[in-house]
Amino acid sequence: RIHLEEFSPLDFEACRRIYKIGYDYAMSMMDSIKSRVTARVPAET
C-alpha cells in the first residue's frame, strides 16, 4: 500500500518523484517479499 496522497491523478509532471516513491517502498519491503516469494529468475534469463 503506497501512500501518494500529495499527488493528484493527473500529476504526470511529478512522474520521477512518484516512480522513486514506488521503488523505495518496494525495496523497503523486499525482505518481506522474498520471505513469501521463493521463486527467482536471473536477469540474464
PDB file of all heavy atoms in Angstrom:
ATOM      1  N   ARG A   1       0.868  -1.185   0.000  1.00  0.00           N
ATOM      2  CA  ARG A   1       0.000   0.000   0.000  1.00  0.00           C
ATOM      3  C   ARG A   1       0.896   1.223   0.000  1.00  0.00           C
ATOM      4  O   ARG A   1       1.555   1.540   1.004  1.00  0.00           O
ATOM      5  CB  ARG A   1      -0.902  -0.001   1.232  1.00  0.00           C
ATOM      6  CG  ARG A   1      -1.752   1.279   1.364  1.00  0.00           C
ATOM      7  CD  ARG A   1      -2.809   1.325   0.274  1.00  0.00           C
ATOM      8  NE  ARG A   1      -3.705   2.467   0.454  1.00  0.00           N
ATOM      9  CZ  ARG A   1      -3.561   3.633  -0.187  1.00  0.00           C
ATOM     10  NH1 ARG A   1      -2.557   3.818  -1.031  1.00  0.00           N
ATOM     11  NH2 ARG A   1      -4.423   4.605   0.023  1.00  0.00           N
ATOM     12  N   ILE A   2       0.954   1.916  -1.133  1.00  0.00           N
ATOM     13  CA  ILE A   2       1.854   3.060  -1.287  1.00  0.00           C
ATOM     14  C   ILE A   2       1.047   4.346  -1.140  1.00  0.00           C
ATOM     15  O   ILE A   2       0.096   4.589  -1.886  1.00  0.00           O
ATOM     16  CB  ILE A   2       2.565   3.012  -2.646  1.00  0.00           C
ATOM     17  CG1 ILE A   2       3.303   1.682  -2.799  1.00  0.00           C
ATOM     18  CG2 ILE A   2       3.541   4.173  -2.782  1.00  0.00           C
ATOM     19  CD1 ILE A   2       3.974   1.492  -4.145  1.00  0.00           C
ATOM     20  N   HIS A   3       1.421   5.173  -0.193  1.00  0.00           N
ATOM     21  CA  HIS A   3       0.689   6.415   0.073  1.00  0.00           C
ATOM     22  C   HIS A   3       1.230   7.549  -0.797  1.00  0.00           C
ATOM     23  O   HIS A   3       2.389   7.943  -0.695  1.00  0.00           O
ATOM     24  CB  HIS A   3       0.805   6.773   1.554  1.00  0.00           C
ATOM     25  CG  HIS A   3       0.118   5.788   2.446  1.00  0.00           C
ATOM     26  ND1 HIS A   3      -1.243   5.826   2.692  1.00  0.00           N
ATOM     27  CD2 HIS A   3       0.591   4.718   3.142  1.00  0.00           C
ATOM     28  CE1 HIS A   3      -1.575   4.833   3.497  1.00  0.00           C
ATOM     29  NE2 HIS A   3      -0.484   4.147   3.785  1.00  0.00           N
ATOM     30  N   LEU A   4       0.337   8.057  -1.644  1.00  0.00           N
ATOM     31  CA  LEU A   4       0.719   9.112  -2.597  1.00  0.00           C
ATOM     32  C   LEU A   4      -0.322  10.225  -2.598  1.00  0.00           C
ATOM     33  O   LEU A   4      -0.609  10.831  -3.626  1.00  0.00           O
ATOM     34  CB  LEU A   4       0.853   8.506  -4.000  1.00  0.00           C
ATOM     35  CG  LEU A   4       1.976   7.473  -4.163  1.00  0.00           C
ATOM     36  CD1 LEU A   4       1.688   6.533  -5.315  1.00  0.00           C
ATOM     37  CD2 LEU A   4       3.309   8.177  -4.383  1.00  0.00           C
ATOM     38  N   GLU A   5      -0.883  10.495  -1.415  1.00  0.00           N
ATOM     39  CA  GLU A   5      -1.971  11.465  -1.322  1.00  0.00           C
ATOM     40  C   GLU A   5      -1.565  12.871  -1.741  1.00  0.00           C
ATOM     41  O   GLU A   5      -2.420  13.678  -2.102  1.00  0.00           O
ATOM     42  CB  GLU A   5      -2.523  11.494   0.110  1.00  0.00           C
ATOM     43  CG  GLU A   5      -3.335  10.280   0.499  1.00  0.00           C
ATOM     44  CD  GLU A   5      -2.467   9.079   0.860  1.00  0.00           C
ATOM     45  OE1 GLU A   5      -1.235   9.253   1.004  1.00  0.00           O
ATOM     46  OE2 GLU A   5      -3.017   7.970   0.995  1.00  0.00           O
ATOM     47  N   GLU A   6      -0.280  13.168  -1.714  1.00  0.00           N
ATOM     48  CA  GLU A   6       0.165  14.515  -2.086  1.00  0.00           C
ATOM     49  C   GLU A   6       0.063  14.777  -3.581  1.00  0.00           C
ATOM     50  O   GLU A   6       0.162  15.924  -4.025  1.00  0.00           O
ATOM     51  CB  GLU A   6       1.616  14.734  -1.640  1.00  0.00           C
ATOM     52  CG  GLU A   6       2.619  13.820  -2.331  1.00  0.00           C
ATOM     53  CD  GLU A   6       4.030  14.032  -1.831  1.00  0.00           C
ATOM     54  OE1 GLU A   6       4.631  15.070  -2.168  1.00  0.00           O
ATOM     55  OE2 GLU A   6       4.537  13.150  -1.104  1.00  0.00           O
ATOM     56  N   PHE A   7      -0.157  13.719  -4.363  1.00  0.00           N
ATOM     57  CA  PHE A   7      -0.212  13.872  -5.813  1.00  0.00           C
ATOM     58  C   PHE A   7      -1.648  13.727  -6.310  1.00  0.00           C
ATOM     59  O   PHE A   7      -2.436  12.960  -5.765  1.00  0.00           O
ATOM     60  CB  PHE A   7       0.665  12.812  -6.492  1.00  0.00           C
ATOM     61  CG  PHE A   7       2.104  12.853  -6.069  1.00  0.00           C
ATOM     62  CD1 PHE A   7       2.589  11.947  -5.137  1.00  0.00           C
ATOM     63  CD2 PHE A   7       2.962  13.805  -6.585  1.00  0.00           C
ATOM     64  CE1 PHE A   7       3.913  11.978  -4.734  1.00  0.00           C
ATOM     65  CE2 PHE A   7       4.293  13.847  -6.181  1.00  0.00           C
ATOM     66  CZ  PHE A   7       4.767  12.939  -5.255  1.00  0.00           C
ATOM     67  N   SER A   8      -1.964  14.455  -7.370  1.00  0.00           N
ATOM     68  CA  SER A   8      -3.285  14.343  -7.989  1.00  0.00           C
ATOM     69  C   SER A   8      -3.233  13.278  -9.079  1.00  0.00           C
ATOM     70  O   SER A   8      -2.155  12.935  -9.574  1.00  0.00           O
ATOM     71  CB  SER A   8      -3.703  15.683  -8.606  1.00  0.00           C
ATOM     72  OG  SER A   8      -3.029  15.894  -9.842  1.00  0.00           O
ATOM     73  N   PRO A   9      -4.402  12.752  -9.488  1.00  0.00           N
ATOM     74  CA  PRO A   9      -4.417  11.717 -10.521  1.00  0.00           C
ATOM     75  C   PRO A   9      -3.868  12.175 -11.870  1.00  0.00           C
ATOM     76  O   PRO A   9      -3.532  11.338 -12.709  1.00  0.00           O
ATOM     77  CB  PRO A   9      -5.902  11.359 -10.631  1.00  0.00           C
ATOM     78  CG  PRO A   9      -6.464  11.705  -9.293  1.00  0.00           C
ATOM     79  CD  PRO A   9      -5.723  12.944  -8.882  1.00  0.00           C
ATOM     80  N   LEU A  10      -3.784  13.490 -12.095  1.00  0.00           N
ATOM     81  CA  LEU A  10      -3.266  13.997 -13.364  1.00  0.00           C
ATOM     82  C   LEU A  10      -1.887  14.646 -13.207  1.00  0.00           C
ATOM     83  O   LEU A  10      -1.434  15.381 -14.074  1.00  0.00           O
ATOM     84  CB  LEU A  10      -4.245  15.012 -13.966  1.00  0.00           C
ATOM     85  CG  LEU A  10      -5.640  14.458 -14.309  1.00  0.00           C
ATOM     86  CD1 LEU A  10      -6.533  15.562 -14.837  1.00  0.00           C
ATOM     87  CD2 LEU A  10      -5.546  13.319 -15.314  1.00  0.00           C
ATOM     88  N   ASP A  11      -1.207  14.346 -12.121  1.00  0.00           N
ATOM     89  CA  ASP A  11       0.078  14.977 -11.801  1.00  0.00           C
ATOM     90  C   ASP A  11       1.245  14.240 -12.476  1.00  0.00           C
ATOM     91  O   ASP A  11       2.202  13.819 -11.821  1.00  0.00           O
ATOM     92  CB  ASP A  11       0.271  14.984 -10.284  1.00  0.00           C
ATOM     93  CG  ASP A  11       1.211  16.072  -9.814  1.00  0.00           C
ATOM     94  OD1 ASP A  11       1.726  16.819 -10.669  1.00  0.00           O
ATOM     95  OD2 ASP A  11       1.422  16.179  -8.591  1.00  0.00           O
ATOM     96  N   PHE A  12       1.170  14.118 -13.798  1.00  0.00           N
ATOM     97  CA  PHE A  12       2.179  13.357 -14.524  1.00  0.00           C
ATOM     98  C   PHE A  12       3.547  14.039 -14.542  1.00  0.00           C
ATOM     99  O   PHE A  12       4.562  13.375 -14.747  1.00  0.00           O
ATOM    100  CB  PHE A  12       1.713  13.092 -15.957  1.00  0.00           C
ATOM    101  CG  PHE A  12       0.595  12.092 -16.039  1.00  0.00           C
ATOM    102  CD1 PHE A  12      -0.715  12.507 -16.231  1.00  0.00           C
ATOM    103  CD2 PHE A  12       0.841  10.732 -15.912  1.00  0.00           C
ATOM    104  CE1 PHE A  12      -1.756  11.593 -16.302  1.00  0.00           C
ATOM    105  CE2 PHE A  12      -0.191   9.810 -15.983  1.00  0.00           C
ATOM    106  CZ  PHE A  12      -1.490  10.241 -16.173  1.00  0.00           C
ATOM    107  N   GLU A  13       3.572  15.341 -14.327  1.00  0.00           N
ATOM    108  CA  GLU A  13       4.860  16.041 -14.319  1.00  0.00           C
ATOM    109  C   GLU A  13       5.724  15.606 -13.133  1.00  0.00           C
ATOM    110  O   GLU A  13       6.939  15.792 -13.148  1.00  0.00           O
ATOM    111  CB  GLU A  13       4.641  17.553 -14.285  1.00  0.00           C
ATOM    112  CG  GLU A  13       4.045  18.105 -15.585  1.00  0.00           C
ATOM    113  CD  GLU A  13       3.945  19.617 -15.573  1.00  0.00           C
ATOM    114  OE1 GLU A  13       4.305  20.228 -14.534  1.00  0.00           O
ATOM    115  OE2 GLU A  13       3.523  20.195 -16.601  1.00  0.00           O
ATOM    116  N   ALA A  14       5.117  15.021 -12.118  1.00  0.00           N
ATOM    117  CA  ALA A  14       5.865  14.542 -10.950  1.00  0.00           C
ATOM    118  C   ALA A  14       6.260  13.068 -11.108  1.00  0.00           C
ATOM    119  O   ALA A  14       6.523  12.380 -10.127  1.00  0.00           O
ATOM    120  CB  ALA A  14       5.033  14.723  -9.683  1.00  0.00           C
ATOM    121  N   CYS A  15       6.300  12.599 -12.359  1.00  0.00           N
ATOM    122  CA  CYS A  15       6.489  11.162 -12.611  1.00  0.00           C
ATOM    123  C   CYS A  15       7.765  10.605 -11.981  1.00  0.00           C
ATOM    124  O   CYS A  15       7.760   9.493 -11.432  1.00  0.00           O
ATOM    125  CB  CYS A  15       6.475  10.882 -14.110  1.00  0.00           C
ATOM    126  SG  CYS A  15       7.757  11.708 -15.070  1.00  0.00           S
ATOM    127  N   ARG A  16       8.852  11.348 -12.007  1.00  0.00           N
ATOM    128  CA  ARG A  16      10.106  10.820 -11.472  1.00  0.00           C
ATOM    129  C   ARG A  16      10.028  10.674  -9.949  1.00  0.00           C
ATOM    130  O   ARG A  16      10.512   9.694  -9.393  1.00  0.00           O
ATOM    131  CB  ARG A  16      11.262  11.731 -11.883  1.00  0.00           C
ATOM    132  CG  ARG A  16      12.646  11.230 -11.525  1.00  0.00           C
ATOM    133  CD  ARG A  16      12.953   9.837 -12.019  1.00  0.00           C
ATOM    134  NE  ARG A  16      12.961   9.668 -13.465  1.00  0.00           N
ATOM    135  CZ  ARG A  16      13.346   8.561 -14.076  1.00  0.00           C
ATOM    136  NH1 ARG A  16      13.747   7.504 -13.367  1.00  0.00           N
ATOM    137  NH2 ARG A  16      13.304   8.475 -15.388  1.00  0.00           N
ATOM    138  N   ARG A  17       9.397  11.624  -9.285  1.00  0.00           N
ATOM    139  CA  ARG A  17       9.234  11.535  -7.827  1.00  0.00           C
ATOM    140  C   ARG A  17       8.330  10.362  -7.459  1.00  0.00           C
ATOM    141  O   ARG A  17       8.608   9.622  -6.503  1.00  0.00           O
ATOM    142  CB  ARG A  17       8.659  12.840  -7.287  1.00  0.00           C
ATOM    143  CG  ARG A  17       9.611  14.031  -7.300  1.00  0.00           C
ATOM    144  CD  ARG A  17       8.866  15.317  -6.976  1.00  0.00           C
ATOM    145  NE  ARG A  17       8.164  15.237  -5.689  1.00  0.00           N
ATOM    146  CZ  ARG A  17       7.109  15.978  -5.367  1.00  0.00           C
ATOM    147  NH1 ARG A  17       6.627  16.849  -6.251  1.00  0.00           N
ATOM    148  NH2 ARG A  17       6.548  15.868  -4.193  1.00  0.00           N
ATOM    149  N   ILE A  18       7.234  10.204  -8.209  1.00  0.00           N
ATOM    150  CA  ILE A  18       6.298   9.117  -7.923  1.00  0.00           C
ATOM    151  C   ILE A  18       6.976   7.769  -8.150  1.00  0.00           C
ATOM    152  O   ILE A  18       6.811   6.835  -7.347  1.00  0.00           O
ATOM    153  CB  ILE A  18       5.038   9.262  -8.806  1.00  0.00           C
ATOM    154  CG1 ILE A  18       4.293  10.563  -8.451  1.00  0.00           C
ATOM    155  CG2 ILE A  18       4.118   8.062  -8.634  1.00  0.00           C
ATOM    156  CD1 ILE A  18       3.157  10.904  -9.391  1.00  0.00           C
ATOM    157  N   TYR A  19       7.719   7.665  -9.227  1.00  0.00           N
ATOM    158  CA  TYR A  19       8.464   6.428  -9.517  1.00  0.00           C
ATOM    159  C   TYR A  19       9.393   6.075  -8.360  1.00  0.00           C
ATOM    160  O   TYR A  19       9.435   4.918  -7.909  1.00  0.00           O
ATOM    161  CB  TYR A  19       9.267   6.616 -10.804  1.00  0.00           C
ATOM    162  CG  TYR A  19      10.363   5.591 -11.019  1.00  0.00           C
ATOM    163  CD1 TYR A  19      10.100   4.382 -11.651  1.00  0.00           C
ATOM    164  CD2 TYR A  19      11.669   5.844 -10.589  1.00  0.00           C
ATOM    165  CE1 TYR A  19      11.112   3.438 -11.844  1.00  0.00           C
ATOM    166  CE2 TYR A  19      12.679   4.912 -10.777  1.00  0.00           C
ATOM    167  CZ  TYR A  19      12.392   3.712 -11.403  1.00  0.00           C
ATOM    168  OH  TYR A  19      13.392   2.786 -11.581  1.00  0.00           O
ATOM    169  N   LYS A  20      10.121   7.062  -7.856  1.00  0.00           N
ATOM    170  CA  LYS A  20      11.089   6.807  -6.784  1.00  0.00           C
ATOM    171  C   LYS A  20      10.395   6.373  -5.492  1.00  0.00           C
ATOM    172  O   LYS A  20      10.909   5.502  -4.766  1.00  0.00           O
ATOM    173  CB  LYS A  20      11.952   8.041  -6.522  1.00  0.00           C
ATOM    174  CG  LYS A  20      13.114   7.771  -5.572  1.00  0.00           C
ATOM    175  CD  LYS A  20      14.029   8.972  -5.451  1.00  0.00           C
ATOM    176  CE  LYS A  20      15.281   8.631  -4.640  1.00  0.00           C
ATOM    177  NZ  LYS A  20      15.009   8.059  -3.317  1.00  0.00           N
ATOM    178  N   ILE A  21       9.233   6.957  -5.203  1.00  0.00           N
ATOM    179  CA  ILE A  21       8.492   6.554  -4.005  1.00  0.00           C
ATOM    180  C   ILE A  21       8.089   5.079  -4.113  1.00  0.00           C
ATOM    181  O   ILE A  21       8.206   4.308  -3.159  1.00  0.00           O
ATOM    182  CB  ILE A  21       7.258   7.455  -3.802  1.00  0.00           C
ATOM    183  CG1 ILE A  21       7.701   8.872  -3.403  1.00  0.00           C
ATOM    184  CG2 ILE A  21       6.329   6.869  -2.734  1.00  0.00           C
ATOM    185  CD1 ILE A  21       6.571   9.883  -3.368  1.00  0.00           C
ATOM    186  N   GLY A  22       7.619   4.686  -5.301  1.00  0.00           N
ATOM    187  CA  GLY A  22       7.255   3.291  -5.510  1.00  0.00           C
ATOM    188  C   GLY A  22       8.446   2.364  -5.381  1.00  0.00           C
ATOM    189  O   GLY A  22       8.364   1.302  -4.737  1.00  0.00           O
ATOM    190  N   TYR A  23       9.565   2.767  -5.977  1.00  0.00           N
ATOM    191  CA  TYR A  23      10.784   1.954  -5.920  1.00  0.00           C
ATOM    192  C   TYR A  23      11.286   1.824  -4.483  1.00  0.00           C
ATOM    193  O   TYR A  23      11.579   0.718  -4.002  1.00  0.00           O
ATOM    194  CB  TYR A  23      11.861   2.582  -6.799  1.00  0.00           C
ATOM    195  CG  TYR A  23      13.212   1.906  -6.703  1.00  0.00           C
ATOM    196  CD1 TYR A  23      13.491   0.751  -7.435  1.00  0.00           C
ATOM    197  CD2 TYR A  23      14.219   2.426  -5.888  1.00  0.00           C
ATOM    198  CE1 TYR A  23      14.735   0.128  -7.344  1.00  0.00           C
ATOM    199  CE2 TYR A  23      15.457   1.808  -5.789  1.00  0.00           C
ATOM    200  CZ  TYR A  23      15.699   0.654  -6.515  1.00  0.00           C
ATOM    201  OH  TYR A  23      16.926   0.045  -6.413  1.00  0.00           O
ATOM    202  N   ASP A  24      11.364   2.956  -3.787  1.00  0.00           N
ATOM    203  CA  ASP A  24      11.879   2.942  -2.409  1.00  0.00           C
ATOM    204  C   ASP A  24      10.996   2.114  -1.491  1.00  0.00           C
ATOM    205  O   ASP A  24      11.496   1.380  -0.624  1.00  0.00           O
ATOM    206  CB  ASP A  24      11.997   4.370  -1.870  1.00  0.00           C
ATOM    207  CG  ASP A  24      13.126   5.159  -2.528  1.00  0.00           C
ATOM    208  OD1 ASP A  24      13.997   4.539  -3.174  1.00  0.00           O
ATOM    209  OD2 ASP A  24      13.137   6.406  -2.394  1.00  0.00           O
ATOM    210  N   TYR A  25       9.685   2.217  -1.674  1.00  0.00           N
ATOM    211  CA  TYR A  25       8.793   1.457  -0.808  1.00  0.00           C
ATOM    212  C   TYR A  25       8.941  -0.043  -1.061  1.00  0.00           C
ATOM    213  O   TYR A  25       8.995  -0.848  -0.120  1.00  0.00           O
ATOM    214  CB  TYR A  25       7.338   1.881  -1.017  1.00  0.00           C
ATOM    215  CG  TYR A  25       6.400   1.192  -0.051  1.00  0.00           C
ATOM    216  CD1 TYR A  25       6.302   1.618   1.267  1.00  0.00           C
ATOM    217  CD2 TYR A  25       5.642   0.099  -0.449  1.00  0.00           C
ATOM    218  CE1 TYR A  25       5.467   0.967   2.163  1.00  0.00           C
ATOM    219  CE2 TYR A  25       4.810  -0.549   0.443  1.00  0.00           C
ATOM    220  CZ  TYR A  25       4.726  -0.105   1.750  1.00  0.00           C
ATOM    221  OH  TYR A  25       3.901  -0.756   2.641  1.00  0.00           O
ATOM    222  N   ALA A  26       9.020  -0.425  -2.336  1.00  0.00           N
ATOM    223  CA  ALA A  26       9.190  -1.843  -2.652  1.00  0.00           C
ATOM    224  C   ALA A  26      10.506  -2.372  -2.107  1.00  0.00           C
ATOM    225  O   ALA A  26      10.567  -3.491  -1.575  1.00  0.00           O
ATOM    226  CB  ALA A  26       9.116  -2.050  -4.169  1.00  0.00           C
ATOM    227  N   MET A  27      11.555  -1.563  -2.183  1.00  0.00           N
ATOM    228  CA  MET A  27      12.848  -2.004  -1.648  1.00  0.00           C
ATOM    229  C   MET A  27      12.784  -2.147  -0.132  1.00  0.00           C
ATOM    230  O   MET A  27      13.388  -3.067   0.443  1.00  0.00           O
ATOM    231  CB  MET A  27      13.935  -1.022  -2.058  1.00  0.00           C
ATOM    232  CG  MET A  27      14.258  -1.032  -3.554  1.00  0.00           C
ATOM    233  SD  MET A  27      14.874  -2.618  -4.163  1.00  0.00           S
ATOM    234  CE  MET A  27      16.529  -2.614  -3.447  1.00  0.00           C
ATOM    235  N   SER A  28      12.033  -1.258   0.529  1.00  0.00           N
ATOM    236  CA  SER A  28      11.911  -1.353   1.983  1.00  0.00           C
ATOM    237  C   SER A  28      11.133  -2.599   2.404  1.00  0.00           C
ATOM    238  O   SER A  28      11.278  -3.072   3.536  1.00  0.00           O
ATOM    239  CB  SER A  28      11.221  -0.095   2.533  1.00  0.00           C
ATOM    240  OG  SER A  28       9.825  -0.093   2.240  1.00  0.00           O
ATOM    241  N   MET A  29      10.322  -3.129   1.494  1.00  0.00           N
ATOM    242  CA  MET A  29       9.522  -4.320   1.768  1.00  0.00           C
ATOM    243  C   MET A  29      10.142  -5.592   1.197  1.00  0.00           C
ATOM    244  O   MET A  29       9.537  -6.665   1.283  1.00  0.00           O
ATOM    245  CB  MET A  29       8.119  -4.141   1.179  1.00  0.00           C
ATOM    246  CG  MET A  29       7.292  -3.035   1.834  1.00  0.00           C
ATOM    247  SD  MET A  29       6.767  -3.506   3.503  1.00  0.00           S
ATOM    248  CE  MET A  29       5.605  -4.813   3.117  1.00  0.00           C
ATOM    249  N   MET A  30      11.337  -5.476   0.628  1.00  0.00           N
ATOM    250  CA  MET A  30      11.891  -6.594  -0.134  1.00  0.00           C
ATOM    251  C   MET A  30      12.150  -7.831   0.728  1.00  0.00           C
ATOM    252  O   MET A  30      11.961  -8.964   0.272  1.00  0.00           O
ATOM    253  CB  MET A  30      13.162  -6.164  -0.862  1.00  0.00           C
ATOM    254  CG  MET A  30      13.592  -7.114  -1.966  1.00  0.00           C
ATOM    255  SD  MET A  30      12.270  -7.477  -3.184  1.00  0.00           S
ATOM    256  CE  MET A  30      11.999  -5.850  -3.901  1.00  0.00           C
ATOM    257  N   ASP A  31      12.586  -7.637   1.966  1.00  0.00           N
ATOM    258  CA  ASP A  31      12.798  -8.804   2.833  1.00  0.00           C
ATOM    259  C   ASP A  31      11.488  -9.570   3.028  1.00  0.00           C
ATOM    260  O   ASP A  31      11.458 -10.811   3.010  1.00  0.00           O
ATOM    261  CB  ASP A  31      13.379  -8.382   4.182  1.00  0.00           C
ATOM    262  CG  ASP A  31      14.835  -7.965   4.091  1.00  0.00           C
ATOM    263  OD1 ASP A  31      15.476  -8.285   3.064  1.00  0.00           O
ATOM    264  OD2 ASP A  31      15.333  -7.309   5.032  1.00  0.00           O
ATOM    265  N   SER A  32      10.398  -8.829   3.231  1.00  0.00           N
ATOM    266  CA  SER A  32       9.088  -9.468   3.392  1.00  0.00           C
ATOM    267  C   SER A  32       8.649 -10.155   2.108  1.00  0.00           C
ATOM    268  O   SER A  32       8.090 -11.265   2.135  1.00  0.00           O
ATOM    269  CB  SER A  32       8.043  -8.428   3.810  1.00  0.00           C
ATOM    270  OG  SER A  32       8.347  -7.869   5.063  1.00  0.00           O
ATOM    271  N   ILE A  33       8.899  -9.492   0.973  1.00  0.00           N
ATOM    272  CA  ILE A  33       8.534 -10.085  -0.313  1.00  0.00           C
ATOM    273  C   ILE A  33       9.305 -11.376  -0.551  1.00  0.00           C
ATOM    274  O   ILE A  33       8.741 -12.415  -0.922  1.00  0.00           O
ATOM    275  CB  ILE A  33       8.791  -9.083  -1.463  1.00  0.00           C
ATOM    276  CG1 ILE A  33       7.857  -7.872  -1.337  1.00  0.00           C
ATOM    277  CG2 ILE A  33       8.600  -9.758  -2.826  1.00  0.00           C
ATOM    278  CD1 ILE A  33       8.168  -6.744  -2.305  1.00  0.00           C
ATOM    279  N   LYS A  34      10.618 -11.335  -0.290  1.00  0.00           N
ATOM    280  CA  LYS A  34      11.453 -12.516  -0.525  1.00  0.00           C
ATOM    281  C   LYS A  34      11.110 -13.669   0.424  1.00  0.00           C
ATOM    282  O   LYS A  34      11.305 -14.840   0.087  1.00  0.00           O
ATOM    283  CB  LYS A  34      12.925 -12.137  -0.390  1.00  0.00           C
ATOM    284  CG  LYS A  34      13.462 -11.323  -1.556  1.00  0.00           C
ATOM    285  CD  LYS A  34      14.948 -11.037  -1.381  1.00  0.00           C
ATOM    286  CE  LYS A  34      15.540 -10.373  -2.602  1.00  0.00           C
ATOM    287  NZ  LYS A  34      16.984 -10.097  -2.458  1.00  0.00           N
ATOM    288  N   SER A  35      10.607 -13.321   1.601  1.00  0.00           N
ATOM    289  CA  SER A  35      10.232 -14.390   2.534  1.00  0.00           C
ATOM    290  C   SER A  35       8.993 -15.134   2.059  1.00  0.00           C
ATOM    291  O   SER A  35       8.776 -16.291   2.426  1.00  0.00           O
ATOM    292  CB  SER A  35       9.982 -13.803   3.936  1.00  0.00           C
ATOM    293  OG  SER A  35       8.792 -13.029   3.961  1.00  0.00           O
ATOM    294  N   ARG A  36       8.174 -14.470   1.217  1.00  0.00           N
ATOM    295  CA  ARG A  36       6.950 -15.095   0.706  1.00  0.00           C
ATOM    296  C   ARG A  36       7.145 -15.629  -0.712  1.00  0.00           C
ATOM    297  O   ARG A  36       6.535 -16.644  -1.075  1.00  0.00           O
ATOM    298  CB  ARG A  36       5.802 -14.074   0.695  1.00  0.00           C
ATOM    299  CG  ARG A  36       5.405 -13.544   2.065  1.00  0.00           C
ATOM    300  CD  ARG A  36       4.774 -14.607   2.942  1.00  0.00           C
ATOM    301  NE  ARG A  36       3.669 -15.287   2.279  1.00  0.00           N
ATOM    302  CZ  ARG A  36       2.430 -14.786   2.168  1.00  0.00           C
ATOM    303  NH1 ARG A  36       2.142 -13.597   2.698  1.00  0.00           N
ATOM    304  NH2 ARG A  36       1.483 -15.475   1.564  1.00  0.00           N
ATOM    305  N   VAL A  37       7.926 -14.922  -1.498  1.00  0.00           N
ATOM    306  CA  VAL A  37       8.160 -15.333  -2.890  1.00  0.00           C
ATOM    307  C   VAL A  37       9.502 -16.053  -2.949  1.00  0.00           C
ATOM    308  O   VAL A  37      10.562 -15.428  -2.862  1.00  0.00           O
ATOM    309  CB  VAL A  37       8.155 -14.124  -3.848  1.00  0.00           C
ATOM    310  CG1 VAL A  37       8.381 -14.597  -5.285  1.00  0.00           C
ATOM    311  CG2 VAL A  37       6.858 -13.347  -3.737  1.00  0.00           C
ATOM    312  N   THR A  38       9.459 -17.339  -3.124  1.00  0.00           N
ATOM    313  CA  THR A  38      10.691 -18.139  -3.119  1.00  0.00           C
ATOM    314  C   THR A  38      11.283 -18.279  -4.522  1.00  0.00           C
ATOM    315  O   THR A  38      12.455 -18.619  -4.671  1.00  0.00           O
ATOM    316  CB  THR A  38      10.417 -19.538  -2.554  1.00  0.00           C
ATOM    317  OG1 THR A  38       9.396 -20.180  -3.329  1.00  0.00           O
ATOM    318  CG2 THR A  38       9.945 -19.426  -1.106  1.00  0.00           C
ATOM    319  N   ALA A  39      10.477 -18.041  -5.557  1.00  0.00           N
ATOM    320  CA  ALA A  39      10.960 -18.187  -6.932  1.00  0.00           C
ATOM    321  C   ALA A  39      11.934 -17.069  -7.279  1.00  0.00           C
ATOM    322  O   ALA A  39      11.809 -15.939  -6.795  1.00  0.00           O
ATOM    323  CB  ALA A  39       9.785 -18.174  -7.905  1.00  0.00           C
ATOM    324  N   ARG A  40      12.889 -17.384  -8.130  1.00  0.00           N
ATOM    325  CA  ARG A  40      13.852 -16.393  -8.620  1.00  0.00           C
ATOM    326  C   ARG A  40      14.095 -16.634 -10.109  1.00  0.00           C
ATOM    327  O   ARG A  40      14.157 -17.779 -10.565  1.00  0.00           O
ATOM    328  CB  ARG A  40      15.191 -16.488  -7.876  1.00  0.00           C
ATOM    329  CG  ARG A  40      15.109 -16.251  -6.370  1.00  0.00           C
ATOM    330  CD  ARG A  40      14.858 -14.781  -6.047  1.00  0.00           C
ATOM    331  NE  ARG A  40      14.841 -14.588  -4.605  1.00  0.00           N
ATOM    332  CZ  ARG A  40      13.761 -14.715  -3.831  1.00  0.00           C
ATOM    333  NH1 ARG A  40      12.596 -15.050  -4.376  1.00  0.00           N
ATOM    334  NH2 ARG A  40      13.837 -14.523  -2.527  1.00  0.00           N
ATOM    335  N   VAL A  41      14.251 -15.557 -10.838  1.00  0.00           N
ATOM    336  CA  VAL A  41      14.614 -15.639 -12.252  1.00  0.00           C
ATOM    337  C   VAL A  41      15.783 -14.690 -12.482  1.00  0.00           C
ATOM    338  O   VAL A  41      15.644 -13.473 -12.305  1.00  0.00           O
ATOM    339  CB  VAL A  41      13.432 -15.245 -13.171  1.00  0.00           C
ATOM    340  CG1 VAL A  41      13.897 -15.154 -14.617  1.00  0.00           C
ATOM    341  CG2 VAL A  41      12.308 -16.257 -13.059  1.00  0.00           C
ATOM    342  N   PRO A  42      16.946 -15.199 -12.867  1.00  0.00           N
ATOM    343  CA  PRO A  42      18.117 -14.342 -13.084  1.00  0.00           C
ATOM    344  C   PRO A  42      17.849 -13.303 -14.174  1.00  0.00           C
ATOM    345  O   PRO A  42      17.082 -13.558 -15.120  1.00  0.00           O
ATOM    346  CB  PRO A  42      19.208 -15.334 -13.524  1.00  0.00           C
ATOM    347  CG  PRO A  42      18.743 -16.656 -13.028  1.00  0.00           C
ATOM    348  CD  PRO A  42      17.243 -16.617 -13.088  1.00  0.00           C
ATOM    349  N   ALA A  43      18.486 -12.158 -14.034  1.00  0.00           N
ATOM    350  CA  ALA A  43      18.302 -11.082 -15.006  1.00  0.00           C
ATOM    351  C   ALA A  43      18.654 -11.540 -16.413  1.00  0.00           C
ATOM    352  O   ALA A  43      17.999 -11.147 -17.394  1.00  0.00           O
ATOM    353  CB  ALA A  43      19.152  -9.877 -14.609  1.00  0.00           C
ATOM    354  N   GLU A  44      19.684 -12.374 -16.536  1.00  0.00           N
ATOM    355  CA  GLU A  44      20.112 -12.841 -17.857  1.00  0.00           C
ATOM    356  C   GLU A  44      18.989 -13.631 -18.542  1.00  0.00           C
ATOM    357  O   GLU A  44      18.743 -13.481 -19.746  1.00  0.00           O
ATOM    358  CB  GLU A  44      21.365 -13.708 -17.742  1.00  0.00           C
ATOM    359  CG  GLU A  44      22.602 -12.975 -17.260  1.00  0.00           C
ATOM    360  CD  GLU A  44      22.627 -12.796 -15.741  1.00  0.00           C
ATOM    361  OE1 GLU A  44      21.703 -13.311 -15.054  1.00  0.00           O
ATOM    362  OE2 GLU A  44      23.565 -12.132 -15.248  1.00  0.00           O
ATOM    363  N   THR A  45      18.307 -14.470 -17.775  1.00  0.00           N
ATOM    364  CA  THR A  45      17.203 -15.264 -18.331  1.00  0.00           C
ATOM    365  C   THR A  45      16.056 -14.368 -18.774  1.00  0.00           C
ATOM    366  O   THR A  45      15.503 -14.518 -19.871  1.00  0.00           O
ATOM    367  CB  THR A  45      16.700 -16.273 -17.280  1.00  0.00           C
ATOM    368  OG1 THR A  45      17.769 -17.122 -16.884  1.00  0.00           O
ATOM    369  CG2 THR A  45      15.554 -17.110 -17.835  1.00  0.00           C
TER     370      THR A  45
END
